[in-house]
Amino acid sequence: MSKFNRTALRAATGRGPINATATPTGLTHEGAPGYAHDAKSALFLLAVSNMVGEDTFYESANDRDRRYVELVHEVAVADPAWLLAFVGWLRGSANMRSASIVAAVEAVRARLASSSTASAASTASTASTASTESTVDAVSNRSFVSAVLQRADEPGELLAYWVSRYGRALPKPIKRGVADAVQRLYTEYAMLKYDTDGKGYRFADVIELTHPEPVAPWQGDLFRVALERRHARAELSFGERLPMLVANAQLRSLVKTDPSVLADQARVSAAGLTWEDVLSLAGSSVDKASLWSALIPSMGYMALLRNLRNFDEAGLSAASASVVSDRLADPAQVARSRQFPFRFLSAYDSVTSLRWGPALEAALAESLHNVPSLPGRSLVLVDTSASMTGYGLSKRSTMTPAKAAAVFGVALGLRGEADLWGFADGVFQHPIARGSSLLRQVDRFVKRTGEVGHGTHIANAIRSTYRGHDRVFVISDMQTMDAGTSAAVPATVPLYGFNLSGYRHTAFDAGAVNRHEFGGLTDATFRMVPLLEAGRQGSWPWAS
């Protein structure tokens, strides 16, 4: 009888980029056998979940940040080209500002230290010197800095981080990379929005530390104004090359006698006033509904999302609300906003009005467009244990990892033939009818937290629910209390772990055939699932 050439033949799936050891090398935080990741995998998983300076359930902020820096140092020396591509993706597609800035700074620090050590240890031979220089020049340190600075307040943020850790002496790559960014990012509007007294490093401080060359005469004038503002050297004089600053000063003066001018959309826009500026200047003297109506056309996507409750409290008109809803649901604007899917759920939770529901539903669905419709039947397990529900994703957030995980679990359930279960000490099934509201289903699922205890038993959850499924998704922090996660899924069936917290050890042998691990709270990695099941080699998100 033929053993291999049969009609039911399935291709072995490719391997994913995130790898852990084939056998346990330590313990999870709950004492089960744990599989350590290689340096790149560990760095990726930690970076996409690391809100720098934030405690998590099992790890203090200091320990987590220290581990992150150590991993950056290791990879920066071992594979700088990979790290450069990674930090660019981390700041761009993944939209992780603080984590990417820390990674860029620490990469430069590690590479400078390594280069210095290599130079001191090398012989005086020409061949050795040439070899060292070619290695260092392959990826410039300056490029790490430029890759992560995408908003005008970030040069100051990066310098503040460097100085707080390493002092005021700036190495040339830091200076030059920041100067590159200043040339790109410092504009009249950027100064009005970000150059505020609340910043430790203002525009003038950045300019004085890095000495950027103006790209045009108007930017030279802007640098001069930044210095005058910072040091109060003289009464500000803007000149004809800075019309927005002139209009801003004129409008602020006029508001003192006629606050109604703040409802003039064209004048507000020409003056570069942000919505925060307008509300502050208006106080209680201007009708809030009229003010919001004037501001909405020029507001950014995130600002609209954050202010839905304020719109309702102000009594925003139906016409203006329709404009907001249309923008929120617009696929192109959703894509450009790069919002995490859970942001739409958070906005939904914060409002009392029903009128935003359809737009937020559409926006959330669009933000999950990479979640695939998969053949066969999938088993989806979402962790509802204490470590997934006992803390917010940041200090100011009420969004828990379990709630964010539920977004993906419900999306998978709605997208195709899938059985959705929650698990902790036990399991509960959560049936979803096709065509259901994603937001309402997530709300229903989250309300069941605690129904089956507060522990984490991944292997038991799989064994209790697996019924010949074609694949298994586990969305968790992977800190299981029981052994045998990988063995609970047949070797021929793909196991996909979505690791939401990036702890040192995971629950299974990620990287083996049919054993895949992804990280973070975006849907970008979902596009890899069909490729892996087609037998193609998985790659990092920025290379796929």
Protein backbone atom coordinates (compact mmCIF):
# COMPACT_ATOMS: atom_id res chain seq x y z
CA MET A 1 0.00 0.00 0.00
CA SER A 2 1.26 3.47 -0.85
CA LYS A 3 2.33 5.42 2.23
CA PHE A 4 2.82 8.87 0.74
CA ASN A 5 1.15 9.30 -2.70
CA ARG A 6 -2.46 9.39 -1.59
CA THR A 7 -5.45 11.52 -2.54
CA ALA A 8 -5.77 12.97 0.98
CA LEU A 9 -2.22 14.31 0.88
CA ARG A 10 -1.69 17.64 2.70
CA ALA A 11 1.42 19.77 2.32
CA ALA A 12 3.48 20.24 5.44
CA THR A 13 3.13 23.85 6.51
CA GLY A 14 6.06 26.20 6.41
CA ARG A 15 7.85 27.45 9.46
CA GLY A 16 7.12 30.83 11.01
CA PRO A 17 9.80 33.38 11.86
CA ILE A 18 9.34 33.25 15.65
CA ASN A 19 11.32 30.40 17.15
CA ALA A 20 11.55 28.83 20.58
CA THR A 21 13.62 25.91 21.79
CA ALA A 22 12.53 22.40 20.82
CA THR A 23 12.51 21.31 24.47
CA PRO A 24 11.75 23.22 27.69
CA THR A 25 14.62 25.31 29.04
CA GLY A 26 12.89 26.96 31.98
CA LEU A 27 9.46 27.62 33.45
CA THR A 28 6.55 29.88 32.66
CA HIS A 29 5.59 32.34 35.38
CA GLU A 30 3.03 29.76 36.53
CA GLY A 31 5.59 26.95 36.86
CA ALA A 32 4.88 24.90 33.74
CA PRO A 33 7.66 23.84 31.36
CA GLY A 34 8.68 26.92 29.37
CA TYR A 35 10.31 27.27 25.95
CA ALA A 36 12.78 30.15 25.54
CA HIS A 37 12.86 32.15 22.29
CA ASP A 38 15.92 33.03 20.28
CA ALA A 39 17.02 36.67 20.58
CA LYS A 40 15.18 38.03 17.53
CA SER A 41 11.96 36.24 18.40
CA ALA A 42 12.14 37.36 22.03
CA LEU A 43 12.81 40.95 20.97
CA PHE A 44 9.94 40.96 18.49
CA LEU A 45 7.42 39.55 20.97
CA LEU A 46 8.49 41.92 23.72
CA ALA A 47 8.65 45.01 21.50
CA VAL A 48 5.13 44.66 20.08
CA SER A 49 3.68 44.34 23.58
CA ASN A 50 6.00 46.64 25.56
CA MET A 51 4.42 49.91 26.68
CA VAL A 52 7.77 51.20 27.97
CA GLY A 53 7.76 51.91 31.69
CA GLU A 54 4.59 49.90 32.33
CA ASP A 55 4.15 47.01 34.76
CA THR A 56 2.51 43.80 33.57
CA PHE A 57 0.90 41.04 35.61
CA TYR A 58 4.08 38.98 36.02
CA GLU A 59 6.87 41.47 35.31
CA SER A 60 7.77 44.88 36.74
CA ALA A 61 8.41 47.79 34.39
CA ASN A 62 12.09 47.90 35.38
CA ASP A 63 12.65 44.19 34.74
CA ARG A 64 10.76 44.30 31.47
CA ASP A 65 12.57 47.37 30.18
CA ARG A 66 15.96 45.95 31.23
CA ARG A 67 15.27 42.72 29.35
CA TYR A 68 14.21 44.72 26.30
CA VAL A 69 17.43 46.77 26.28
CA GLU A 70 19.58 43.64 26.67
CA LEU A 71 17.86 42.01 23.68
CA VAL A 72 18.30 45.14 21.53
CA HIS A 73 22.01 45.24 22.39
CA GLU A 74 22.45 41.60 21.44
CA VAL A 75 20.66 41.83 18.10
CA ALA A 76 22.16 45.23 17.20
CA VAL A 77 25.62 43.68 17.17
CA ALA A 78 24.67 40.30 15.72
CA ASP A 79 22.38 41.44 12.87
CA PRO A 80 22.07 45.25 12.49
CA ALA A 81 20.35 45.04 9.09
CA TRP A 82 17.53 42.95 10.58
CA LEU A 83 17.21 45.33 13.52
CA LEU A 84 17.07 48.41 11.28
CA ALA A 85 14.21 46.89 9.26
CA PHE A 86 12.50 45.90 12.49
CA VAL A 87 12.62 49.32 14.20
CA GLY A 88 11.28 50.98 11.03
CA TRP A 89 8.36 48.55 10.98
CA LEU A 90 7.85 48.89 14.74
CA ARG A 91 7.43 52.67 14.48
CA GLY A 92 5.49 52.52 11.21
CA SER A 93 3.08 49.64 10.71
CA ALA A 94 3.08 48.55 14.36
CA ASN A 95 2.73 52.16 15.58
CA MET A 96 4.80 51.58 18.74
CA ARG A 97 6.42 54.96 19.40
CA SER A 98 8.22 54.55 22.72
CA ALA A 99 9.44 51.02 22.09
CA SER A 100 10.87 51.98 18.70
CA ILE A 101 12.67 55.06 20.06
CA VAL A 102 14.25 53.02 22.86
CA ALA A 103 15.30 50.35 20.37
CA ALA A 104 16.93 52.90 18.05
CA VAL A 105 18.86 54.62 20.86
CA GLU A 106 20.03 51.38 22.42
CA ALA A 107 21.02 49.97 19.02
CA VAL A 108 23.31 52.94 18.44
CA ARG A 109 24.71 52.67 21.96
CA ALA A 110 25.48 48.95 21.57
CA ARG A 111 27.01 49.33 18.11
CA LEU A 112 29.25 52.19 19.21
CA ALA A 113 30.43 50.18 22.20
CA SER A 114 31.02 47.10 20.03
CA SER A 115 32.90 49.13 17.43
CA SER A 116 35.07 50.69 20.10
CA THR A 117 35.86 47.30 21.61
CA ALA A 118 36.60 45.79 18.20
CA SER A 119 38.92 48.65 17.29
CA ALA A 120 40.82 48.37 20.58
CA ALA A 121 41.21 44.62 20.16
CA SER A 122 42.12 44.60 16.48
CA THR A 123 45.65 44.42 15.19
CA ALA A 124 47.21 47.31 13.33
CA SER A 125 47.10 45.44 10.03
CA THR A 126 45.42 47.13 7.07
CA ALA A 127 43.33 44.06 6.33
CA SER A 128 41.93 43.95 9.87
CA THR A 129 41.11 47.66 9.84
CA ALA A 130 39.37 47.42 6.47
CA SER A 131 37.31 44.49 7.67
CA THR A 132 36.16 46.35 10.78
CA GLU A 133 35.20 49.49 8.83
CA SER A 134 33.24 47.58 6.18
CA THR A 135 31.21 45.82 8.88
CA VAL A 136 30.41 49.06 10.70
CA ASP A 137 29.53 50.93 7.49
CA ALA A 138 27.14 48.24 6.20
CA VAL A 139 24.33 49.79 8.29
CA SER A 140 24.79 53.36 9.53
CA ASN A 141 23.99 54.19 13.13
CA ARG A 142 22.44 57.43 11.90
CA SER A 143 19.83 55.45 9.96
CA PHE A 144 18.44 53.86 13.15
CA VAL A 145 17.59 57.30 14.51
CA SER A 146 16.06 58.59 11.28
CA ALA A 147 13.95 55.44 10.90
CA VAL A 148 11.97 55.95 14.10
CA LEU A 149 11.45 59.73 14.17
CA GLN A 150 8.20 60.33 12.31
CA ARG A 151 6.47 63.04 14.35
CA ALA A 152 7.80 66.46 15.31
CA ASP A 153 7.73 65.83 19.07
CA GLU A 154 9.86 62.69 18.74
CA PRO A 155 13.33 64.28 18.29
CA GLY A 156 12.91 65.79 21.76
CA GLU A 157 11.58 62.50 23.09
CA LEU A 158 14.62 60.61 21.78
CA LEU A 159 17.10 63.15 23.18
CA ALA A 160 15.36 63.11 26.55
CA TYR A 161 15.74 59.33 26.68
CA TRP A 162 19.44 59.43 25.73
CA VAL A 163 20.31 62.19 28.22
CA SER A 164 18.39 60.53 31.05
CA ARG A 165 20.41 57.34 30.57
CA TYR A 166 23.77 58.40 29.20
CA GLY A 167 24.24 62.13 29.86
CA ARG A 168 24.41 65.22 27.67
CA ALA A 169 27.35 64.10 25.53
CA LEU A 170 25.72 63.10 22.25
CA PRO A 171 27.56 60.83 19.80
CA LYS A 172 27.62 61.97 16.19
CA PRO A 173 25.09 59.36 14.90
CA ILE A 174 22.52 60.58 17.42
CA LYS A 175 23.14 64.22 16.54
CA ARG A 176 23.04 63.63 12.80
CA GLY A 177 20.03 61.30 12.86
CA VAL A 178 18.04 63.79 14.95
CA ALA A 179 19.15 66.67 12.71
CA ASP A 180 17.91 64.72 9.68
CA ALA A 181 14.53 64.34 11.34
CA VAL A 182 14.35 68.01 12.33
CA GLN A 183 14.80 69.02 8.72
CA ARG A 184 11.87 66.78 7.74
CA LEU A 185 9.54 67.45 10.65
CA TYR A 186 9.91 71.00 11.99
CA THR A 187 7.23 73.16 10.36
CA GLU A 188 5.08 76.08 11.49
CA TYR A 189 2.18 73.77 12.37
CA ALA A 190 4.48 71.35 14.19
CA MET A 191 5.87 74.20 16.30
CA LEU A 192 2.39 75.39 17.23
CA LYS A 193 1.26 71.87 18.13
CA TYR A 194 4.30 70.38 19.87
CA ASP A 195 6.65 73.15 21.07
CA THR A 196 5.02 73.67 24.47
CA ASP A 197 6.12 74.53 28.00
CA GLY A 198 5.21 71.02 29.11
CA LYS A 199 8.15 69.51 27.23
CA GLY A 200 11.55 69.13 28.88
CA TYR A 201 13.27 69.28 25.49
CA ARG A 202 11.65 71.91 23.33
CA PHE A 203 12.39 72.65 19.67
CA ALA A 204 15.11 75.14 20.63
CA ASP A 205 16.85 72.58 22.85
CA VAL A 206 16.88 70.05 20.03
CA ILE A 207 18.22 72.64 17.58
CA GLU A 208 20.97 73.74 19.98
CA LEU A 209 22.06 70.18 20.69
CA THR A 210 22.08 68.88 17.10
CA HIS A 211 22.68 71.98 14.91
CA PRO A 212 20.49 71.05 11.91
CA GLU A 213 20.93 73.03 8.69
CA PRO A 214 17.66 74.66 7.54
CA VAL A 215 16.31 73.15 4.33
CA ALA A 216 14.98 76.54 3.19
CA PRO A 217 14.94 80.19 4.33
CA TRP A 218 11.56 79.77 6.00
CA GLN A 219 12.93 76.99 8.19
CA GLY A 220 15.85 79.20 9.20
CA ASP A 221 13.29 81.78 10.36
CA LEU A 222 11.42 79.02 12.19
CA PHE A 223 14.58 77.96 14.04
CA ARG A 224 15.16 81.58 15.06
CA VAL A 225 11.62 81.89 16.42
CA ALA A 226 12.02 78.61 18.32
CA LEU A 227 15.11 79.98 20.04
CA GLU A 228 13.44 83.31 20.82
CA ARG A 229 10.41 81.55 22.28
CA ARG A 230 12.53 79.30 24.44
CA HIS A 231 14.85 81.95 25.81
CA ALA A 232 12.52 84.98 25.71
CA ARG A 233 15.33 87.00 24.13
CA ALA A 234 13.07 89.52 22.46
CA GLU A 235 9.52 90.18 21.36
CA LEU A 236 8.78 87.62 18.67
CA SER A 237 8.94 88.79 15.06
CA PHE A 238 7.76 86.22 12.52
CA GLY A 239 8.21 87.84 9.12
CA GLU A 240 6.48 87.09 5.84
CA ARG A 241 8.01 83.61 5.48
CA LEU A 242 5.99 82.33 8.46
CA PRO A 243 2.37 83.24 7.63
CA MET A 244 0.82 80.61 9.91
CA LEU A 245 2.62 81.95 12.96
CA VAL A 246 1.50 85.48 12.04
CA ALA A 247 -2.13 84.34 11.62
CA ASN A 248 -1.96 82.44 14.90
CA ALA A 249 -0.78 85.47 16.86
CA GLN A 250 -3.44 87.68 15.24
CA LEU A 251 -6.26 85.24 15.94
CA ARG A 252 -5.23 84.73 19.58
CA SER A 253 -5.29 88.50 20.02
CA LEU A 254 -8.70 88.84 18.36
CA VAL A 255 -10.25 86.10 20.50
CA LYS A 256 -9.87 88.32 23.57
CA THR A 257 -12.54 90.65 22.24
CA ASP A 258 -14.48 88.36 19.88
CA PRO A 259 -14.44 84.65 20.84
CA SER A 260 -16.91 83.84 18.07
CA VAL A 261 -14.06 83.92 15.51
CA LEU A 262 -13.08 80.48 16.80
CA ALA A 263 -16.09 79.08 14.94
CA ASP A 264 -14.59 80.29 11.65
CA GLN A 265 -13.11 77.09 10.25
CA ALA A 266 -10.97 78.78 7.60
CA ARG A 267 -9.36 81.21 10.07
CA VAL A 268 -8.72 78.50 12.64
CA SER A 269 -7.08 76.30 10.01
CA ALA A 270 -4.93 79.16 8.62
CA ALA A 271 -3.76 79.91 12.17
CA GLY A 272 -2.75 76.30 12.81
CA LEU A 273 -4.85 76.05 15.96
CA THR A 274 -5.42 72.52 17.20
CA TRP A 275 -8.76 71.48 18.58
CA GLU A 276 -7.22 71.53 22.06
CA ASP A 277 -6.12 75.15 21.50
CA VAL A 278 -9.57 76.20 20.34
CA LEU A 279 -11.36 74.64 23.30
CA SER A 280 -8.90 76.20 25.71
CA LEU A 281 -9.23 79.67 24.17
CA ALA A 282 -13.02 79.47 23.92
CA GLY A 283 -13.66 78.47 27.52
CA SER A 284 -17.40 78.73 28.13
CA SER A 285 -17.93 81.75 25.89
CA VAL A 286 -18.77 79.86 22.69
CA ASP A 287 -21.45 77.24 22.10
CA LYS A 288 -19.65 73.88 22.19
CA ALA A 289 -21.80 72.24 19.51
CA SER A 290 -21.04 75.05 17.03
CA LEU A 291 -17.38 74.94 18.00
CA TRP A 292 -17.09 71.19 17.43
CA SER A 293 -18.91 71.52 14.09
CA ALA A 294 -16.30 74.05 12.98
CA LEU A 295 -13.40 71.94 14.21
CA ILE A 296 -14.44 68.50 12.93
CA PRO A 297 -13.42 68.95 9.25
CA SER A 298 -9.80 69.64 10.26
CA MET A 299 -9.52 67.15 13.11
CA GLY A 300 -7.38 64.04 12.77
CA TYR A 301 -8.83 60.54 12.86
CA MET A 302 -7.60 59.72 16.37
CA ALA A 303 -8.94 63.02 17.67
CA LEU A 304 -12.40 62.16 16.32
CA LEU A 305 -12.25 58.72 17.91
CA ARG A 306 -11.25 60.17 21.29
CA ASN A 307 -13.96 62.83 21.37
CA LEU A 308 -17.15 60.94 20.56
CA ARG A 309 -18.40 61.28 24.12
CA ASN A 310 -17.58 65.01 24.10
CA PHE A 311 -19.54 65.40 20.86
CA ASP A 312 -22.58 63.84 22.49
CA GLU A 313 -22.28 65.93 25.64
CA ALA A 314 -22.09 69.09 23.54
CA GLY A 315 -25.24 68.14 21.60
CA LEU A 316 -23.54 67.83 18.22
CA SER A 317 -25.95 68.18 15.32
CA ALA A 318 -27.01 65.18 13.25
CA ALA A 319 -25.34 66.69 10.17
CA SER A 320 -21.98 67.03 11.91
CA ALA A 321 -22.33 63.59 13.49
CA SER A 322 -22.88 62.16 10.01
CA VAL A 323 -19.60 63.73 8.86
CA VAL A 324 -17.80 62.12 11.80
CA SER A 325 -19.38 58.73 11.16
CA ASP A 326 -18.49 58.82 7.47
CA ARG A 327 -14.86 59.57 8.28
CA LEU A 328 -14.63 56.91 10.98
CA ALA A 329 -15.98 54.23 8.65
CA ASP A 330 -13.95 55.24 5.59
CA PRO A 331 -11.60 52.32 4.78
CA ALA A 332 -8.82 54.59 3.52
CA GLN A 333 -8.87 56.70 6.69
CA VAL A 334 -8.96 53.59 8.90
CA ALA A 335 -5.88 52.26 7.11
CA ARG A 336 -4.00 55.57 7.37
CA SER A 337 -4.85 55.94 11.06
CA ARG A 338 -3.00 52.70 11.95
CA GLN A 339 -5.18 52.34 15.03
CA PHE A 340 -5.06 49.10 16.98
CA PRO A 341 -8.36 47.24 16.55
CA PHE A 342 -9.05 47.43 20.28
CA ARG A 343 -9.11 51.27 20.04
CA PHE A 344 -12.48 51.05 18.31
CA LEU A 345 -13.81 48.81 21.05
CA SER A 346 -12.51 51.26 23.64
CA ALA A 347 -14.30 54.12 21.88
CA TYR A 348 -17.50 52.07 21.74
CA ASP A 349 -17.28 51.40 25.48
CA SER A 350 -16.82 55.09 26.29
CA VAL A 351 -19.96 56.44 24.60
CA THR A 352 -23.57 56.32 25.71
CA SER A 353 -25.12 57.26 22.37
CA LEU A 354 -26.11 54.54 19.92
CA ARG A 355 -25.45 56.70 16.88
CA TRP A 356 -21.75 55.87 16.70
CA GLY A 357 -22.28 52.10 16.76
CA PRO A 358 -22.54 51.43 12.99
CA ALA A 359 -19.48 53.58 12.18
CA LEU A 360 -17.35 51.98 14.90
CA GLU A 361 -18.51 48.53 13.82
CA ALA A 362 -17.47 49.26 10.24
CA ALA A 363 -14.15 50.77 11.35
CA LEU A 364 -13.34 47.79 13.56
CA ALA A 365 -14.19 45.35 10.79
CA GLU A 366 -11.97 47.28 8.39
CA SER A 367 -9.10 47.30 10.91
CA LEU A 368 -9.34 43.50 10.95
CA HIS A 369 -9.29 43.05 7.18
CA ASN A 370 -6.23 40.77 7.40
CA VAL A 371 -8.13 38.16 9.43
CA PRO A 372 -8.64 35.46 6.80
CA SER A 373 -11.52 33.20 5.89
CA LEU A 374 -9.95 29.77 6.25
CA PRO A 375 -11.06 26.42 4.82
CA GLY A 376 -12.26 23.69 7.13
CA ARG A 377 -13.00 24.27 10.79
CA SER A 378 -10.87 26.22 13.28
CA LEU A 379 -10.69 26.03 17.06
CA VAL A 380 -10.22 29.47 18.68
CA LEU A 381 -9.29 29.65 22.37
CA VAL A 382 -9.17 33.01 24.18
CA ASP A 383 -7.47 33.26 27.58
CA THR A 384 -9.70 34.87 30.26
CA SER A 385 -7.41 34.15 33.24
CA ALA A 386 -6.38 36.66 35.92
CA SER A 387 -3.11 37.53 34.18
CA MET A 388 -5.11 38.58 31.11
CA THR A 389 -7.75 40.55 33.01
CA GLY A 390 -5.89 41.92 36.06
CA TYR A 391 -4.24 44.94 34.40
CA GLY A 392 -4.75 47.42 31.58
CA LEU A 393 -2.59 47.63 28.49
CA SER A 394 -1.20 50.89 29.90
CA LYS A 395 -1.49 52.85 33.15
CA ARG A 396 -4.31 54.99 31.78
CA SER A 397 -6.13 52.22 29.91
CA THR A 398 -9.04 50.10 31.06
CA MET A 399 -8.54 47.83 28.04
CA THR A 400 -7.26 44.48 29.29
CA PRO A 401 -5.32 41.94 27.22
CA ALA A 402 -8.31 39.58 27.51
CA LYS A 403 -10.62 42.18 26.00
CA ALA A 404 -8.20 42.92 23.18
CA ALA A 405 -7.81 39.18 22.61
CA ALA A 406 -11.58 38.79 22.42
CA VAL A 407 -11.63 41.17 19.45
CA PHE A 408 -9.46 38.76 17.46
CA GLY A 409 -11.25 35.68 18.74
CA VAL A 410 -14.67 36.97 17.76
CA ALA A 411 -13.34 38.19 14.40
CA LEU A 412 -12.05 34.71 13.63
CA GLY A 413 -15.37 33.27 14.73
CA LEU A 414 -17.30 35.60 12.45
CA ARG A 415 -14.96 35.24 9.49
CA GLY A 416 -15.43 31.53 8.86
CA GLU A 417 -16.19 28.11 10.25
CA ALA A 418 -14.76 28.44 13.75
CA ASP A 419 -15.61 27.32 17.27
CA LEU A 420 -14.86 30.03 19.84
CA TRP A 421 -14.10 29.09 23.43
CA GLY A 422 -12.93 31.04 26.47
CA PHE A 423 -10.64 29.31 28.93
CA ALA A 424 -9.01 29.69 32.34
CA ASP A 425 -9.21 26.80 34.83
CA GLY A 426 -11.97 25.39 32.66
CA VAL A 427 -13.57 26.25 29.33
CA PHE A 428 -16.78 27.83 28.04
CA GLN A 429 -18.11 27.79 24.49
CA HIS A 430 -19.24 31.05 22.91
CA PRO A 431 -21.40 30.39 19.83
CA ILE A 432 -21.52 33.16 17.23
CA ALA A 433 -24.17 33.39 14.55
CA ARG A 434 -23.04 34.56 11.12
CA GLY A 435 -23.85 38.23 10.57
CA SER A 436 -23.65 39.05 14.28
CA SER A 437 -22.38 42.42 15.46
CA LEU A 438 -18.67 42.11 16.22
CA LEU A 439 -18.82 44.79 18.94
CA ARG A 440 -21.79 43.22 20.70
CA GLN A 441 -20.29 39.74 20.51
CA VAL A 442 -17.05 40.99 22.06
CA ASP A 443 -19.05 42.65 24.82
CA ARG A 444 -20.95 39.41 25.47
CA PHE A 445 -17.74 37.39 25.52
CA VAL A 446 -15.94 39.72 27.93
CA LYS A 447 -18.86 39.66 30.37
CA ARG A 448 -18.22 35.93 30.77
CA THR A 449 -14.76 36.55 32.27
CA GLY A 450 -14.40 34.59 35.51
CA GLU A 451 -17.05 32.06 34.52
CA VAL A 452 -14.52 29.20 34.50
CA GLY A 453 -12.02 30.43 37.08
CA HIS A 454 -8.87 32.54 36.90
CA GLY A 455 -5.98 30.14 36.22
CA THR A 456 -4.30 29.41 32.89
CA HIS A 457 -4.52 25.83 31.57
CA ILE A 458 -3.79 25.92 27.86
CA ALA A 459 -3.12 22.22 27.29
CA ASN A 460 -6.24 21.23 29.19
CA ALA A 461 -8.31 23.77 27.25
CA ILE A 462 -7.14 22.27 23.94
CA ARG A 463 -7.75 18.69 25.07
CA SER A 464 -11.24 19.63 26.30
CA THR A 465 -12.30 21.31 23.08
CA TYR A 466 -10.33 19.82 20.18
CA ARG A 467 -12.58 17.73 17.96
CA GLY A 468 -10.62 17.09 14.78
CA HIS A 469 -10.31 20.79 13.88
CA ASP A 470 -8.11 21.80 10.95
CA ARG A 471 -6.14 24.34 13.02
CA VAL A 472 -5.99 25.72 16.56
CA PHE A 473 -5.60 29.37 17.58
CA VAL A 474 -4.62 30.19 21.17
CA ILE A 475 -4.75 33.90 22.10
CA SER A 476 -3.02 34.29 25.46
CA ASP A 477 0.02 35.56 27.37
CA MET A 478 1.23 31.93 27.17
CA GLN A 479 1.95 31.65 30.93
CA THR A 480 0.29 28.30 31.36
CA MET A 481 0.07 26.21 34.51
CA ASP A 482 0.02 22.85 32.75
CA ALA A 483 2.39 20.98 30.45
CA GLY A 484 1.77 19.51 27.02
CA THR A 485 0.39 22.40 24.94
CA SER A 486 2.07 21.22 21.74
CA ALA A 487 1.26 17.55 22.34
CA ALA A 488 -2.42 18.38 22.78
CA VAL A 489 -2.62 19.21 19.05
CA PRO A 490 -1.87 16.47 16.51
CA ALA A 491 1.50 16.97 14.82
CA THR A 492 -0.19 17.33 11.41
CA VAL A 493 -2.47 20.17 12.62
CA PRO A 494 -1.22 23.79 12.77
CA LEU A 495 -1.13 25.41 16.21
CA TYR A 496 -1.05 29.22 16.16
CA GLY A 497 -0.21 30.99 19.40
CA PHE A 498 -0.87 34.72 19.63
CA ASN A 499 1.48 35.83 22.39
CA LEU A 500 0.11 39.10 23.78
CA SER A 501 2.66 39.90 26.50
CA GLY A 502 6.09 38.79 25.33
CA TYR A 503 7.30 37.08 28.50
CA ARG A 504 10.61 35.22 28.53
CA HIS A 505 9.15 31.71 28.18
CA THR A 506 6.26 30.47 26.08
CA ALA A 507 4.05 27.40 26.37
CA PHE A 508 5.18 25.37 23.34
CA ASP A 509 7.94 24.70 20.82
CA ALA A 510 7.23 27.60 18.45
CA GLY A 511 9.14 27.35 15.18
CA ALA A 512 8.73 23.61 14.76
CA VAL A 513 6.67 22.38 11.81
CA ASN A 514 3.01 23.27 12.36
CA ARG A 515 3.87 25.23 15.52
CA HIS A 516 3.64 28.98 14.99
CA GLU A 517 3.74 31.96 17.32
CA PHE A 518 2.80 35.56 16.57
CA GLY A 519 2.93 38.66 18.74
CA GLY A 520 1.14 41.91 19.39
CA LEU A 521 -2.30 43.42 19.06
CA THR A 522 -2.51 44.21 15.35
CA ASP A 523 -3.95 41.99 12.66
CA ALA A 524 -0.88 42.24 10.43
CA THR A 525 0.37 38.75 11.22
CA PHE A 526 -2.91 37.12 10.19
CA ARG A 527 -1.92 37.50 6.56
CA MET A 528 0.83 34.96 7.20
CA VAL A 529 -1.61 32.19 8.13
CA PRO A 530 -2.73 31.29 4.56
CA LEU A 531 0.91 31.38 3.42
CA LEU A 532 1.98 29.01 6.17
CA GLU A 533 -0.86 26.63 5.38
CA ALA A 534 0.09 26.67 1.71
CA GLY A 535 3.47 25.30 2.75
CA ARG A 536 5.40 28.52 2.19
CA GLN A 537 8.05 29.72 4.58
CA GLY A 538 6.78 32.37 6.97
CA SER A 539 8.64 35.67 7.15
CA TRP A 540 8.72 38.73 9.38
CA PRO A 541 5.79 41.15 8.84
CA TRP A 542 7.94 43.79 7.12
CA ALA A 543 9.22 41.21 4.62
CA SER A 544 5.96 39.46 3.79
